[in-house]
Amino acid sequence: MAKPSGVFRIVEVIKQGPRPSESVAITGAFQTLTRPAGADGVAIFPDPSYAGTLTLKGITGDTGIVVNGKEPTVLMTAADVGLLGSVAGTCAVRWFRLQ
């Protein structure tokens, strides 16, 4: 049987939701999400009641990319990810491998 494609795996990660993940408190300050060895990407699931915006950053002074604070965000990355929230809240973070 052939291995699932990368797109299929990303869809599966989103469908499975934040179950086997770490909970991260969004504090309004820059936070580093540390990439575990071997991870190909991360899925970030904001709490459904989160009322702010989330910005993904590479470093503290980076302008970053604003993402939807209400929907999951999937990012392929080979490095740690910085997270900045506009208001306090929580999100689930789930690192994954494509293989």
Protein backbone atom coordinates (compact mmCIF):
# COMPACT_ATOMS: atom_id res chain seq x y z
CA MET A 1 0.00 0.00 0.00
CA ALA A 2 1.32 3.46 -0.89
CA LYS A 3 2.15 6.00 1.81
CA PRO A 4 -0.39 8.79 2.27
CA SER A 5 0.52 12.07 0.61
CA GLY A 6 1.53 15.12 2.63
CA VAL A 7 -1.79 16.81 1.89
CA PHE A 8 -3.71 13.77 3.11
CA ARG A 9 -1.69 13.74 6.37
CA ILE A 10 -2.33 17.45 6.99
CA VAL A 11 -6.06 16.94 6.48
CA GLU A 12 -5.96 14.02 8.93
CA VAL A 13 -4.17 16.16 11.54
CA ILE A 14 -6.88 18.81 11.29
CA LYS A 15 -9.70 16.24 11.39
CA GLN A 16 -8.24 14.62 14.50
CA GLY A 17 -8.22 17.99 16.21
CA PRO A 18 -6.09 18.98 19.17
CA ARG A 19 -6.46 15.75 21.18
CA PRO A 20 -2.82 14.61 21.59
CA SER A 21 -1.41 18.09 21.97
CA GLU A 22 -0.02 20.58 24.41
CA SER A 23 -2.12 23.41 25.78
CA VAL A 24 -0.48 26.82 25.45
CA ALA A 25 -1.56 29.90 27.38
CA ILE A 26 -1.71 32.97 25.15
CA THR A 27 -0.51 35.85 27.29
CA GLY A 28 -0.05 38.77 24.91
CA ALA A 29 3.73 38.28 25.06
CA PHE A 30 5.96 36.54 22.51
CA GLN A 31 6.11 32.80 23.18
CA THR A 32 8.31 30.22 21.52
CA LEU A 33 6.70 26.93 20.49
CA THR A 34 9.63 24.51 20.52
CA ARG A 35 9.68 22.11 17.59
CA PRO A 36 10.32 18.51 18.66
CA ALA A 37 13.00 16.58 16.77
CA GLY A 38 11.62 15.08 13.57
CA ALA A 39 8.48 17.22 13.37
CA ASP A 40 7.57 18.46 9.90
CA GLY A 41 4.95 20.98 10.94
CA VAL A 42 2.57 22.27 13.55
CA ALA A 43 -1.18 22.69 13.81
CA ILE A 44 -2.45 25.43 16.12
CA PHE A 45 -6.04 25.18 17.36
CA PRO A 46 -7.23 28.36 19.13
CA ASP A 47 -9.88 27.94 21.81
CA PRO A 48 -13.28 28.51 20.12
CA SER A 49 -13.98 31.38 22.51
CA TYR A 50 -10.71 33.19 21.70
CA ALA A 51 -11.54 36.79 20.81
CA GLY A 52 -8.22 38.08 19.48
CA THR A 53 -5.79 37.60 16.65
CA LEU A 54 -2.73 35.37 16.54
CA THR A 55 0.55 36.32 14.92
CA LEU A 56 3.15 33.72 13.93
CA LYS A 57 6.72 34.99 14.14
CA GLY A 58 10.24 33.76 13.57
CA ILE A 59 11.87 36.03 16.18
CA THR A 60 10.66 38.56 18.75
CA GLY A 61 11.15 41.66 16.56
CA ASP A 62 9.66 40.05 13.43
CA THR A 63 6.47 41.60 12.00
CA GLY A 64 5.08 38.09 11.57
CA ILE A 65 2.00 36.78 9.84
CA VAL A 66 -1.44 37.38 11.32
CA VAL A 67 -3.63 34.26 11.20
CA ASN A 68 -7.28 33.65 11.96
CA GLY A 69 -7.75 33.43 15.75
CA LYS A 70 -10.87 31.29 15.34
CA GLU A 71 -9.71 28.56 12.93
CA PRO A 72 -6.88 25.98 13.01
CA THR A 73 -3.63 27.03 11.36
CA VAL A 74 -1.25 24.49 9.83
CA LEU A 75 2.36 25.46 9.23
CA MET A 76 5.11 23.37 7.68
CA THR A 77 8.33 24.28 9.47
CA ALA A 78 11.79 23.00 10.28
CA ALA A 79 12.25 25.46 13.15
CA ASP A 80 10.64 26.72 16.33
CA VAL A 81 7.64 29.04 15.91
CA GLY A 82 6.94 32.27 17.75
CA LEU A 83 3.36 32.96 18.77
CA LEU A 84 1.90 36.31 19.81
CA GLY A 85 -1.73 36.76 20.80
CA SER A 86 -3.55 40.08 20.93
CA VAL A 87 -5.53 39.05 24.04
CA ALA A 88 -5.18 36.38 26.73
CA GLY A 89 -6.53 32.92 25.98
CA THR A 90 -5.45 29.37 25.20
CA CYS A 91 -4.74 27.22 22.19
CA ALA A 92 -3.81 23.63 21.54
CA VAL A 93 -0.56 23.00 19.67
CA ARG A 94 0.04 19.76 17.84
CA TRP A 95 3.33 18.94 16.11
CA PHE A 96 3.21 16.27 13.41
CA ARG A 97 5.28 14.24 10.94
CA LEU A 98 4.26 13.64 7.35
CA GLN A 99 5.69 10.13 7.14
